Amino acid sequence: MAGAGGSWRPPRSCEDYWGEWKHCRGLLHAFHHYYAHGELPECGRWREDYEACRAWERDRAPAAQEALCKSERARVMEKQKYAPVWKLRKSPPPDWYLP
């Protein structure tokens, strides 16, 4: 994931990770997540990503870079494991114009 000349940057800004962590720990989000999923949200990954991002900014640590890349890949894979709710159509139904 490194760019030309070692100009790799984190996928998000460190403030984004911090904001996601604060949002995840919020009472309203926790209540909604518990209502929807039956369990409290796990917010630790956002905090770990924030700390890895800061470590990257501070020291350019390769371990921090790898941790952020791995975490973002896991998020993408997590989103892709759910099928779409609606079946996608290739064309409109034949009677689309009827009331």
PDB file of N, CA and C in Angstrom:
ATOM      1  N   MET A   1       0.807  -1.199   0.000  1.00  0.00           N
ATOM      2  CA  MET A   1       0.000   0.000   0.000  1.00  0.00           C
ATOM      3  C   MET A   1       0.852   1.264   0.000  1.00  0.00           C
ATOM      4  N   ALA A   2       2.146   1.099  -0.014  1.00  0.00           N
ATOM      5  CA  ALA A   2       3.021   2.260  -0.016  1.00  0.00           C
ATOM      6  C   ALA A   2       3.035   2.897  -1.392  1.00  0.00           C
ATOM      7  N   GLY A   3       3.058   4.203  -1.415  1.00  0.00           N
ATOM      8  CA  GLY A   3       3.104   4.920  -2.672  1.00  0.00           C
ATOM      9  C   GLY A   3       4.537   5.090  -3.134  1.00  0.00           C
ATOM     10  N   ALA A   4       4.729   5.832  -4.212  1.00  0.00           N
ATOM     11  CA  ALA A   4       6.057   6.067  -4.745  1.00  0.00           C
ATOM     12  C   ALA A   4       6.870   6.901  -3.759  1.00  0.00           C
ATOM     13  N   GLY A   5       8.090   6.448  -3.492  1.00  0.00           N
ATOM     14  CA  GLY A   5       8.953   7.215  -2.608  1.00  0.00           C
ATOM     15  C   GLY A   5       8.562   7.128  -1.148  1.00  0.00           C
ATOM     16  N   GLY A   6       7.783   6.132  -0.763  1.00  0.00           N
ATOM     17  CA  GLY A   6       7.424   5.975   0.645  1.00  0.00           C
ATOM     18  C   GLY A   6       6.461   7.044   1.130  1.00  0.00           C
ATOM     19  N   SER A   7       5.605   7.554   0.274  1.00  0.00           N
ATOM     20  CA  SER A   7       4.683   8.632   0.646  1.00  0.00           C
ATOM     21  C   SER A   7       3.340   8.085   1.110  1.00  0.00           C
ATOM     22  N   TRP A   8       3.354   6.974   1.820  1.00  0.00           N
ATOM     23  CA  TRP A   8       2.113   6.372   2.294  1.00  0.00           C
ATOM     24  C   TRP A   8       1.479   7.265   3.343  1.00  0.00           C
ATOM     25  N   ARG A   9       0.157   7.345   3.298  1.00  0.00           N
ATOM     26  CA  ARG A   9      -0.601   8.079   4.315  1.00  0.00           C
ATOM     27  C   ARG A   9      -1.683   7.161   4.838  1.00  0.00           C
ATOM     28  N   PRO A  10      -2.129   7.364   6.084  1.00  0.00           N
ATOM     29  CA  PRO A  10      -3.239   6.555   6.604  1.00  0.00           C
ATOM     30  C   PRO A  10      -4.487   6.751   5.747  1.00  0.00           C
ATOM     31  N   PRO A  11      -5.337   5.711   5.673  1.00  0.00           N
ATOM     32  CA  PRO A  11      -6.556   5.813   4.853  1.00  0.00           C
ATOM     33  C   PRO A  11      -7.498   6.929   5.306  1.00  0.00           C
ATOM     34  N   ARG A  12      -7.459   7.253   6.575  1.00  0.00           N
ATOM     35  CA  ARG A  12      -8.276   8.340   7.130  1.00  0.00           C
ATOM     36  C   ARG A  12      -7.370   9.221   7.976  1.00  0.00           C
ATOM     37  N   SER A  13      -7.854  10.400   8.295  1.00  0.00           N
ATOM     38  CA  SER A  13      -7.079  11.243   9.202  1.00  0.00           C
ATOM     39  C   SER A  13      -7.225  10.694  10.624  1.00  0.00           C
ATOM     40  N   CYS A  14      -6.274  10.984  11.459  1.00  0.00           N
ATOM     41  CA  CYS A  14      -6.325  10.502  12.842  1.00  0.00           C
ATOM     42  C   CYS A  14      -7.553  11.048  13.568  1.00  0.00           C
ATOM     43  N   GLU A  15      -7.978  12.245  13.225  1.00  0.00           N
ATOM     44  CA  GLU A  15      -9.167  12.824  13.849  1.00  0.00           C
ATOM     45  C   GLU A  15     -10.420  12.034  13.490  1.00  0.00           C
ATOM     46  N   ASP A  16     -10.446  11.429  12.300  1.00  0.00           N
ATOM     47  CA  ASP A  16     -11.583  10.587  11.919  1.00  0.00           C
ATOM     48  C   ASP A  16     -11.686   9.369  12.825  1.00  0.00           C
ATOM     49  N   TYR A  17     -10.547   8.740  13.103  1.00  0.00           N
ATOM     50  CA  TYR A  17     -10.558   7.584  14.008  1.00  0.00           C
ATOM     51  C   TYR A  17     -11.012   7.992  15.407  1.00  0.00           C
ATOM     52  N   TRP A  18     -10.519   9.140  15.859  1.00  0.00           N
ATOM     53  CA  TRP A  18     -10.915   9.633  17.183  1.00  0.00           C
ATOM     54  C   TRP A  18     -12.417   9.932  17.215  1.00  0.00           C
ATOM     55  N   GLY A  19     -12.924  10.574  16.178  1.00  0.00           N
ATOM     56  CA  GLY A  19     -14.349  10.896  16.111  1.00  0.00           C
ATOM     57  C   GLY A  19     -15.215   9.642  16.070  1.00  0.00           C
ATOM     58  N   GLU A  20     -14.782   8.636  15.329  1.00  0.00           N
ATOM     59  CA  GLU A  20     -15.531   7.371  15.286  1.00  0.00           C
ATOM     60  C   GLU A  20     -15.535   6.702  16.654  1.00  0.00           C
ATOM     61  N   TRP A  21     -14.416   6.763  17.351  1.00  0.00           N
ATOM     62  CA  TRP A  21     -14.336   6.172  18.687  1.00  0.00           C
ATOM     63  C   TRP A  21     -15.275   6.903  19.649  1.00  0.00           C
ATOM     64  N   LYS A  22     -15.277   8.222  19.613  1.00  0.00           N
ATOM     65  CA  LYS A  22     -16.157   8.997  20.494  1.00  0.00           C
ATOM     66  C   LYS A  22     -17.621   8.713  20.165  1.00  0.00           C
ATOM     67  N   HIS A  23     -17.952   8.648  18.873  1.00  0.00           N
ATOM     68  CA  HIS A  23     -19.322   8.354  18.463  1.00  0.00           C
ATOM     69  C   HIS A  23     -19.738   6.969  18.929  1.00  0.00           C
ATOM     70  N   CYS A  24     -18.851   6.001  18.769  1.00  0.00           N
ATOM     71  CA  CYS A  24     -19.149   4.622  19.142  1.00  0.00           C
ATOM     72  C   CYS A  24     -19.434   4.505  20.637  1.00  0.00           C
ATOM     73  N   ARG A  25     -18.749   5.288  21.442  1.00  0.00           N
ATOM     74  CA  ARG A  25     -18.923   5.229  22.895  1.00  0.00           C
ATOM     75  C   ARG A  25     -20.110   6.043  23.382  1.00  0.00           C
ATOM     76  N   GLY A  26     -20.731   6.810  22.507  1.00  0.00           N
ATOM     77  CA  GLY A  26     -21.855   7.654  22.894  1.00  0.00           C
ATOM     78  C   GLY A  26     -23.069   6.836  23.323  1.00  0.00           C
ATOM     79  N   LEU A  27     -23.848   7.398  24.217  1.00  0.00           N
ATOM     80  CA  LEU A  27     -25.006   6.714  24.774  1.00  0.00           C
ATOM     81  C   LEU A  27     -26.057   6.414  23.702  1.00  0.00           C
ATOM     82  N   LEU A  28     -26.351   7.368  22.846  1.00  0.00           N
ATOM     83  CA  LEU A  28     -27.361   7.170  21.809  1.00  0.00           C
ATOM     84  C   LEU A  28     -26.953   6.058  20.843  1.00  0.00           C
ATOM     85  N   HIS A  29     -25.699   6.068  20.425  1.00  0.00           N
ATOM     86  CA  HIS A  29     -25.216   5.019  19.519  1.00  0.00           C
ATOM     87  C   HIS A  29     -25.249   3.653  20.215  1.00  0.00           C
ATOM     88  N   ALA A  30     -24.824   3.603  21.468  1.00  0.00           N
ATOM     89  CA  ALA A  30     -24.830   2.337  22.200  1.00  0.00           C
ATOM     90  C   ALA A  30     -26.254   1.792  22.329  1.00  0.00           C
ATOM     91  N   PHE A  31     -27.208   2.679  22.616  1.00  0.00           N
ATOM     92  CA  PHE A  31     -28.599   2.260  22.738  1.00  0.00           C
ATOM     93  C   PHE A  31     -29.121   1.725  21.406  1.00  0.00           C
ATOM     94  N   HIS A  32     -28.858   2.455  20.332  1.00  0.00           N
ATOM     95  CA  HIS A  32     -29.318   2.029  19.007  1.00  0.00           C
ATOM     96  C   HIS A  32     -28.686   0.693  18.613  1.00  0.00           C
ATOM     97  N   HIS A  33     -27.391   0.556  18.831  1.00  0.00           N
ATOM     98  CA  HIS A  33     -26.695  -0.673  18.475  1.00  0.00           C
ATOM     99  C   HIS A  33     -27.231  -1.853  19.286  1.00  0.00           C
ATOM    100  N   TYR A  34     -27.491  -1.622  20.553  1.00  0.00           N
ATOM    101  CA  TYR A  34     -28.039  -2.684  21.395  1.00  0.00           C
ATOM    102  C   TYR A  34     -29.443  -3.075  20.922  1.00  0.00           C
ATOM    103  N   TYR A  35     -30.231  -2.072  20.567  1.00  0.00           N
ATOM    104  CA  TYR A  35     -31.589  -2.326  20.072  1.00  0.00           C
ATOM    105  C   TYR A  35     -31.550  -3.119  18.758  1.00  0.00           C
ATOM    106  N   ALA A  36     -30.660  -2.735  17.858  1.00  0.00           N
ATOM    107  CA  ALA A  36     -30.601  -3.357  16.535  1.00  0.00           C
ATOM    108  C   ALA A  36     -29.907  -4.720  16.540  1.00  0.00           C
ATOM    109  N   HIS A  37     -28.877  -4.874  17.372  1.00  0.00           N
ATOM    110  CA  HIS A  37     -28.051  -6.079  17.301  1.00  0.00           C
ATOM    111  C   HIS A  37     -28.087  -6.936  18.565  1.00  0.00           C
ATOM    112  N   GLY A  38     -28.672  -6.421  19.639  1.00  0.00           N
ATOM    113  CA  GLY A  38     -28.764  -7.205  20.863  1.00  0.00           C
ATOM    114  C   GLY A  38     -27.487  -7.256  21.678  1.00  0.00           C
ATOM    115  N   GLU A  39     -26.541  -6.420  21.363  1.00  0.00           N
ATOM    116  CA  GLU A  39     -25.289  -6.358  22.116  1.00  0.00           C
ATOM    117  C   GLU A  39     -24.718  -4.952  22.013  1.00  0.00           C
ATOM    118  N   LEU A  40     -23.867  -4.607  22.955  1.00  0.00           N
ATOM    119  CA  LEU A  40     -23.233  -3.294  22.918  1.00  0.00           C
ATOM    120  C   LEU A  40     -22.149  -3.277  21.839  1.00  0.00           C
ATOM    121  N   PRO A  41     -21.900  -2.116  21.236  1.00  0.00           N
ATOM    122  CA  PRO A  41     -20.879  -2.047  20.188  1.00  0.00           C
ATOM    123  C   PRO A  41     -19.477  -2.221  20.764  1.00  0.00           C
ATOM    124  N   GLU A  42     -18.593  -2.785  19.964  1.00  0.00           N
ATOM    125  CA  GLU A  42     -17.192  -2.911  20.348  1.00  0.00           C
ATOM    126  C   GLU A  42     -16.437  -1.738  19.727  1.00  0.00           C
ATOM    127  N   CYS A  43     -15.948  -0.871  20.565  1.00  0.00           N
ATOM    128  CA  CYS A  43     -15.326   0.369  20.099  1.00  0.00           C
ATOM    129  C   CYS A  43     -13.801   0.335  20.163  1.00  0.00           C
ATOM    130  N   GLY A  44     -13.249  -0.728  20.684  1.00  0.00           N
ATOM    131  CA  GLY A  44     -11.806  -0.803  20.893  1.00  0.00           C
ATOM    132  C   GLY A  44     -10.992  -0.687  19.622  1.00  0.00           C
ATOM    133  N   ARG A  45     -11.525  -1.196  18.516  1.00  0.00           N
ATOM    134  CA  ARG A  45     -10.765  -1.141  17.268  1.00  0.00           C
ATOM    135  C   ARG A  45     -10.550   0.301  16.808  1.00  0.00           C
ATOM    136  N   TRP A  46     -11.550   1.162  17.016  1.00  0.00           N
ATOM    137  CA  TRP A  46     -11.384   2.576  16.635  1.00  0.00           C
ATOM    138  C   TRP A  46     -10.270   3.219  17.449  1.00  0.00           C
ATOM    139  N   ARG A  47     -10.215   2.903  18.752  1.00  0.00           N
ATOM    140  CA  ARG A  47      -9.173   3.466  19.616  1.00  0.00           C
ATOM    141  C   ARG A  47      -7.793   2.954  19.193  1.00  0.00           C
ATOM    142  N   GLU A  48      -7.705   1.654  18.885  1.00  0.00           N
ATOM    143  CA  GLU A  48      -6.429   1.085  18.429  1.00  0.00           C
ATOM    144  C   GLU A  48      -5.987   1.724  17.119  1.00  0.00           C
ATOM    145  N   ASP A  49      -6.934   1.961  16.220  1.00  0.00           N
ATOM    146  CA  ASP A  49      -6.598   2.597  14.949  1.00  0.00           C
ATOM    147  C   ASP A  49      -6.131   4.035  15.161  1.00  0.00           C
ATOM    148  N   TYR A  50      -6.769   4.726  16.095  1.00  0.00           N
ATOM    149  CA  TYR A  50      -6.341   6.092  16.402  1.00  0.00           C
ATOM    150  C   TYR A  50      -4.909   6.085  16.928  1.00  0.00           C
ATOM    151  N   GLU A  51      -4.613   5.174  17.839  1.00  0.00           N
ATOM    152  CA  GLU A  51      -3.264   5.108  18.407  1.00  0.00           C
ATOM    153  C   GLU A  51      -2.236   4.714  17.348  1.00  0.00           C
ATOM    154  N   ALA A  52      -2.602   3.793  16.440  1.00  0.00           N
ATOM    155  CA  ALA A  52      -1.693   3.417  15.360  1.00  0.00           C
ATOM    156  C   ALA A  52      -1.467   4.592  14.416  1.00  0.00           C
ATOM    157  N   CYS A  53      -2.506   5.360  14.149  1.00  0.00           N
ATOM    158  CA  CYS A  53      -2.377   6.531  13.282  1.00  0.00           C
ATOM    159  C   CYS A  53      -1.435   7.561  13.893  1.00  0.00           C
ATOM    160  N   ARG A  54      -1.601   7.802  15.183  1.00  0.00           N
ATOM    161  CA  ARG A  54      -0.692   8.745  15.862  1.00  0.00           C
ATOM    162  C   ARG A  54       0.737   8.226  15.870  1.00  0.00           C
ATOM    163  N   ALA A  55       0.908   6.909  16.058  1.00  0.00           N
ATOM    164  CA  ALA A  55       2.248   6.327  16.030  1.00  0.00           C
ATOM    165  C   ALA A  55       2.866   6.501  14.648  1.00  0.00           C
ATOM    166  N   TRP A  56       2.039   6.370  13.608  1.00  0.00           N
ATOM    167  CA  TRP A  56       2.551   6.577  12.256  1.00  0.00           C
ATOM    168  C   TRP A  56       2.970   8.027  12.053  1.00  0.00           C
ATOM    169  N   GLU A  57       2.144   8.957  12.494  1.00  0.00           N
ATOM    170  CA  GLU A  57       2.488  10.378  12.345  1.00  0.00           C
ATOM    171  C   GLU A  57       3.747  10.740  13.128  1.00  0.00           C
ATOM    172  N   ARG A  58       3.899  10.148  14.288  1.00  0.00           N
ATOM    173  CA  ARG A  58       5.017  10.478  15.177  1.00  0.00           C
ATOM    174  C   ARG A  58       6.313   9.814  14.706  1.00  0.00           C
ATOM    175  N   ASP A  59       6.288   8.513  14.442  1.00  0.00           N
ATOM    176  CA  ASP A  59       7.527   7.760  14.216  1.00  0.00           C
ATOM    177  C   ASP A  59       7.649   7.137  12.832  1.00  0.00           C
ATOM    178  N   ARG A  60       6.567   7.185  12.027  1.00  0.00           N
ATOM    179  CA  ARG A  60       6.538   6.471  10.755  1.00  0.00           C
ATOM    180  C   ARG A  60       6.823   4.984  10.977  1.00  0.00           C
ATOM    181  N   ALA A  61       6.204   4.434  12.019  1.00  0.00           N
ATOM    182  CA  ALA A  61       6.427   3.039  12.402  1.00  0.00           C
ATOM    183  C   ALA A  61       5.770   2.096  11.400  1.00  0.00           C
ATOM    184  N   PRO A  62       6.529   1.154  10.835  1.00  0.00           N
ATOM    185  CA  PRO A  62       5.946   0.195   9.875  1.00  0.00           C
ATOM    186  C   PRO A  62       4.850  -0.667  10.516  1.00  0.00           C
ATOM    187  N   ALA A  63       4.980  -0.972  11.794  1.00  0.00           N
ATOM    188  CA  ALA A  63       3.957  -1.771  12.477  1.00  0.00           C
ATOM    189  C   ALA A  63       2.629  -1.015  12.526  1.00  0.00           C
ATOM    190  N   ALA A  64       2.692   0.289  12.722  1.00  0.00           N
ATOM    191  CA  ALA A  64       1.471   1.106  12.748  1.00  0.00           C
ATOM    192  C   ALA A  64       0.829   1.127  11.361  1.00  0.00           C
ATOM    193  N   GLN A  65       1.646   1.239  10.327  1.00  0.00           N
ATOM    194  CA  GLN A  65       1.122   1.222   8.956  1.00  0.00           C
ATOM    195  C   GLN A  65       0.422  -0.092   8.675  1.00  0.00           C
ATOM    196  N   GLU A  66       1.058  -1.190   9.023  1.00  0.00           N
ATOM    197  CA  GLU A  66       0.470  -2.504   8.776  1.00  0.00           C
ATOM    198  C   GLU A  66      -0.813  -2.691   9.571  1.00  0.00           C
ATOM    199  N   ALA A  67      -0.844  -2.217  10.814  1.00  0.00           N
ATOM    200  CA  ALA A  67      -2.045  -2.344  11.645  1.00  0.00           C
ATOM    201  C   ALA A  67      -3.215  -1.577  11.028  1.00  0.00           C
ATOM    202  N   LEU A  68      -2.957  -0.370  10.531  1.00  0.00           N
ATOM    203  CA  LEU A  68      -4.021   0.419   9.904  1.00  0.00           C
ATOM    204  C   LEU A  68      -4.516  -0.237   8.620  1.00  0.00           C
ATOM    205  N   CYS A  69      -3.610  -0.740   7.810  1.00  0.00           N
ATOM    206  CA  CYS A  69      -4.006  -1.400   6.559  1.00  0.00           C
ATOM    207  C   CYS A  69      -4.835  -2.643   6.853  1.00  0.00           C
ATOM    208  N   LYS A  70      -4.411  -3.422   7.818  1.00  0.00           N
ATOM    209  CA  LYS A  70      -5.131  -4.642   8.182  1.00  0.00           C
ATOM    210  C   LYS A  70      -6.527  -4.324   8.707  1.00  0.00           C
ATOM    211  N   SER A  71      -6.625  -3.294   9.526  1.00  0.00           N
ATOM    212  CA  SER A  71      -7.903  -2.904  10.101  1.00  0.00           C
ATOM    213  C   SER A  71      -8.863  -2.401   9.022  1.00  0.00           C
ATOM    214  N   GLU A  72      -8.371  -1.592   8.100  1.00  0.00           N
ATOM    215  CA  GLU A  72      -9.225  -1.083   7.025  1.00  0.00           C
ATOM    216  C   GLU A  72      -9.669  -2.215   6.097  1.00  0.00           C
ATOM    217  N   ARG A  73      -8.774  -3.156   5.818  1.00  0.00           N
ATOM    218  CA  ARG A  73      -9.161  -4.314   5.010  1.00  0.00           C
ATOM    219  C   ARG A  73     -10.267  -5.102   5.704  1.00  0.00           C
ATOM    220  N   ALA A  74     -10.147  -5.277   7.017  1.00  0.00           N
ATOM    221  CA  ALA A  74     -11.162  -6.009   7.775  1.00  0.00           C
ATOM    222  C   ALA A  74     -12.505  -5.284   7.709  1.00  0.00           C
ATOM    223  N   ARG A  75     -12.502  -3.950   7.773  1.00  0.00           N
ATOM    224  CA  ARG A  75     -13.745  -3.188   7.674  1.00  0.00           C
ATOM    225  C   ARG A  75     -14.404  -3.381   6.319  1.00  0.00           C
ATOM    226  N   VAL A  76     -13.607  -3.359   5.256  1.00  0.00           N
ATOM    227  CA  VAL A  76     -14.146  -3.547   3.912  1.00  0.00           C
ATOM    228  C   VAL A  76     -14.742  -4.949   3.783  1.00  0.00           C
ATOM    229  N   MET A  77     -14.039  -5.951   4.275  1.00  0.00           N
ATOM    230  CA  MET A  77     -14.541  -7.324   4.194  1.00  0.00           C
ATOM    231  C   MET A  77     -15.819  -7.490   5.015  1.00  0.00           C
ATOM    232  N   GLU A  78     -15.897  -6.814   6.148  1.00  0.00           N
ATOM    233  CA  GLU A  78     -17.084  -6.876   6.993  1.00  0.00           C
ATOM    234  C   GLU A  78     -18.304  -6.312   6.268  1.00  0.00           C
ATOM    235  N   LYS A  79     -18.109  -5.214   5.544  1.00  0.00           N
ATOM    236  CA  LYS A  79     -19.209  -4.608   4.802  1.00  0.00           C
ATOM    237  C   LYS A  79     -19.665  -5.494   3.645  1.00  0.00           C
ATOM    238  N   GLN A  80     -18.742  -6.213   3.038  1.00  0.00           N
ATOM    239  CA  GLN A  80     -19.064  -7.013   1.860  1.00  0.00           C
ATOM    240  C   GLN A  80     -19.741  -8.338   2.196  1.00  0.00           C
ATOM    241  N   LYS A  81     -19.733  -8.752   3.442  1.00  0.00           N
ATOM    242  CA  LYS A  81     -20.295 -10.062   3.759  1.00  0.00           C
ATOM    243  C   LYS A  81     -21.817 -10.071   3.823  1.00  0.00           C
ATOM    244  N   TYR A  82     -22.444  -8.903   3.814  1.00  0.00           N
ATOM    245  CA  TYR A  82     -23.895  -8.836   3.848  1.00  0.00           C
ATOM    246  C   TYR A  82     -24.446  -8.663   2.443  1.00  0.00           C
ATOM    247  N   ALA A  83     -25.440  -9.457   2.118  1.00  0.00           N
ATOM    248  CA  ALA A  83     -26.073  -9.369   0.792  1.00  0.00           C
ATOM    249  C   ALA A  83     -26.972  -8.131   0.740  1.00  0.00           C
ATOM    250  N   PRO A  84     -27.200  -7.580  -0.447  1.00  0.00           N
ATOM    251  CA  PRO A  84     -28.105  -6.441  -0.553  1.00  0.00           C
ATOM    252  C   PRO A  84     -29.528  -6.828  -0.134  1.00  0.00           C
ATOM    253  N   VAL A  85     -30.254  -5.883   0.407  1.00  0.00           N
ATOM    254  CA  VAL A  85     -31.623  -6.135   0.846  1.00  0.00           C
ATOM    255  C   VAL A  85     -32.542  -6.311  -0.359  1.00  0.00           C
ATOM    256  N   TRP A  86     -32.349  -5.496  -1.370  1.00  0.00           N
ATOM    257  CA  TRP A  86     -33.198  -5.539  -2.547  1.00  0.00           C
ATOM    258  C   TRP A  86     -32.507  -6.291  -3.662  1.00  0.00           C
ATOM    259  N   LYS A  87     -33.287  -7.039  -4.443  1.00  0.00           N
ATOM    260  CA  LYS A  87     -32.755  -7.712  -5.622  1.00  0.00           C
ATOM    261  C   LYS A  87     -32.648  -6.672  -6.741  1.00  0.00           C
ATOM    262  N   LEU A  88     -31.480  -6.551  -7.328  1.00  0.00           N
ATOM    263  CA  LEU A  88     -31.263  -5.571  -8.382  1.00  0.00           C
ATOM    264  C   LEU A  88     -31.856  -6.076  -9.696  1.00  0.00           C
ATOM    265  N   ARG A  89     -32.508  -5.165 -10.429  1.00  0.00           N
ATOM    266  CA  ARG A  89     -33.118  -5.528 -11.712  1.00  0.00           C
ATOM    267  C   ARG A  89     -32.234  -5.081 -12.853  1.00  0.00           C
ATOM    268  N   LYS A  90     -32.347  -5.791 -13.958  1.00  0.00           N
ATOM    269  CA  LYS A  90     -31.628  -5.409 -15.180  1.00  0.00           C
ATOM    270  C   LYS A  90     -32.491  -4.511 -16.057  1.00  0.00           C
ATOM    271  N   SER A  91     -33.819  -4.628 -15.913  1.00  0.00           N
ATOM    272  CA  SER A  91     -34.741  -3.799 -16.692  1.00  0.00           C
ATOM    273  C   SER A  91     -36.014  -3.597 -15.856  1.00  0.00           C
ATOM    274  N   PRO A  92     -36.831  -2.608 -16.218  1.00  0.00           N
ATOM    275  CA  PRO A  92     -38.062  -2.375 -15.457  1.00  0.00           C
ATOM    276  C   PRO A  92     -39.064  -3.513 -15.670  1.00  0.00           C
ATOM    277  N   PRO A  93     -40.006  -3.693 -14.752  1.00  0.00           N
ATOM    278  CA  PRO A  93     -41.022  -4.720 -14.962  1.00  0.00           C
ATOM    279  C   PRO A  93     -41.877  -4.379 -16.180  1.00  0.00           C
ATOM    280  N   PRO A  94     -42.454  -5.390 -16.831  1.00  0.00           N
ATOM    281  CA  PRO A  94     -43.214  -5.113 -18.060  1.00  0.00           C
ATOM    282  C   PRO A  94     -44.433  -4.215 -17.836  1.00  0.00           C
ATOM    283  N   ASP A  95     -45.019  -4.217 -16.654  1.00  0.00           N
ATOM    284  CA  ASP A  95     -46.208  -3.396 -16.403  1.00  0.00           C
ATOM    285  C   ASP A  95     -45.889  -2.180 -15.551  1.00  0.00           C
ATOM    286  N   TRP A  96     -44.729  -1.602 -15.709  1.00  0.00           N
ATOM    287  CA  TRP A  96     -44.295  -0.495 -14.873  1.00  0.00           C
ATOM    288  C   TRP A  96     -45.185   0.749 -14.997  1.00  0.00           C
ATOM    289  N   TYR A  97     -45.843   0.920 -16.123  1.00  0.00           N
ATOM    290  CA  TYR A  97     -46.631   2.128 -16.393  1.00  0.00           C
ATOM    291  C   TYR A  97     -48.047   2.052 -15.836  1.00  0.00           C
ATOM    292  N   LEU A  98     -48.489   0.866 -15.383  1.00  0.00           N
ATOM    293  CA  LEU A  98     -49.851   0.731 -14.879  1.00  0.00           C
ATOM    294  C   LEU A  98     -49.972   1.319 -13.466  1.00  0.00           C
ATOM    295  N   PRO A  99     -51.176   1.824 -13.130  1.00  0.00           N
ATOM    296  CA  PRO A  99     -51.350   2.396 -11.783  1.00  0.00           C
ATOM    297  C   PRO A  99     -51.321   1.351 -10.691  1.00  0.00           C
TER     298      PRO A  99
END
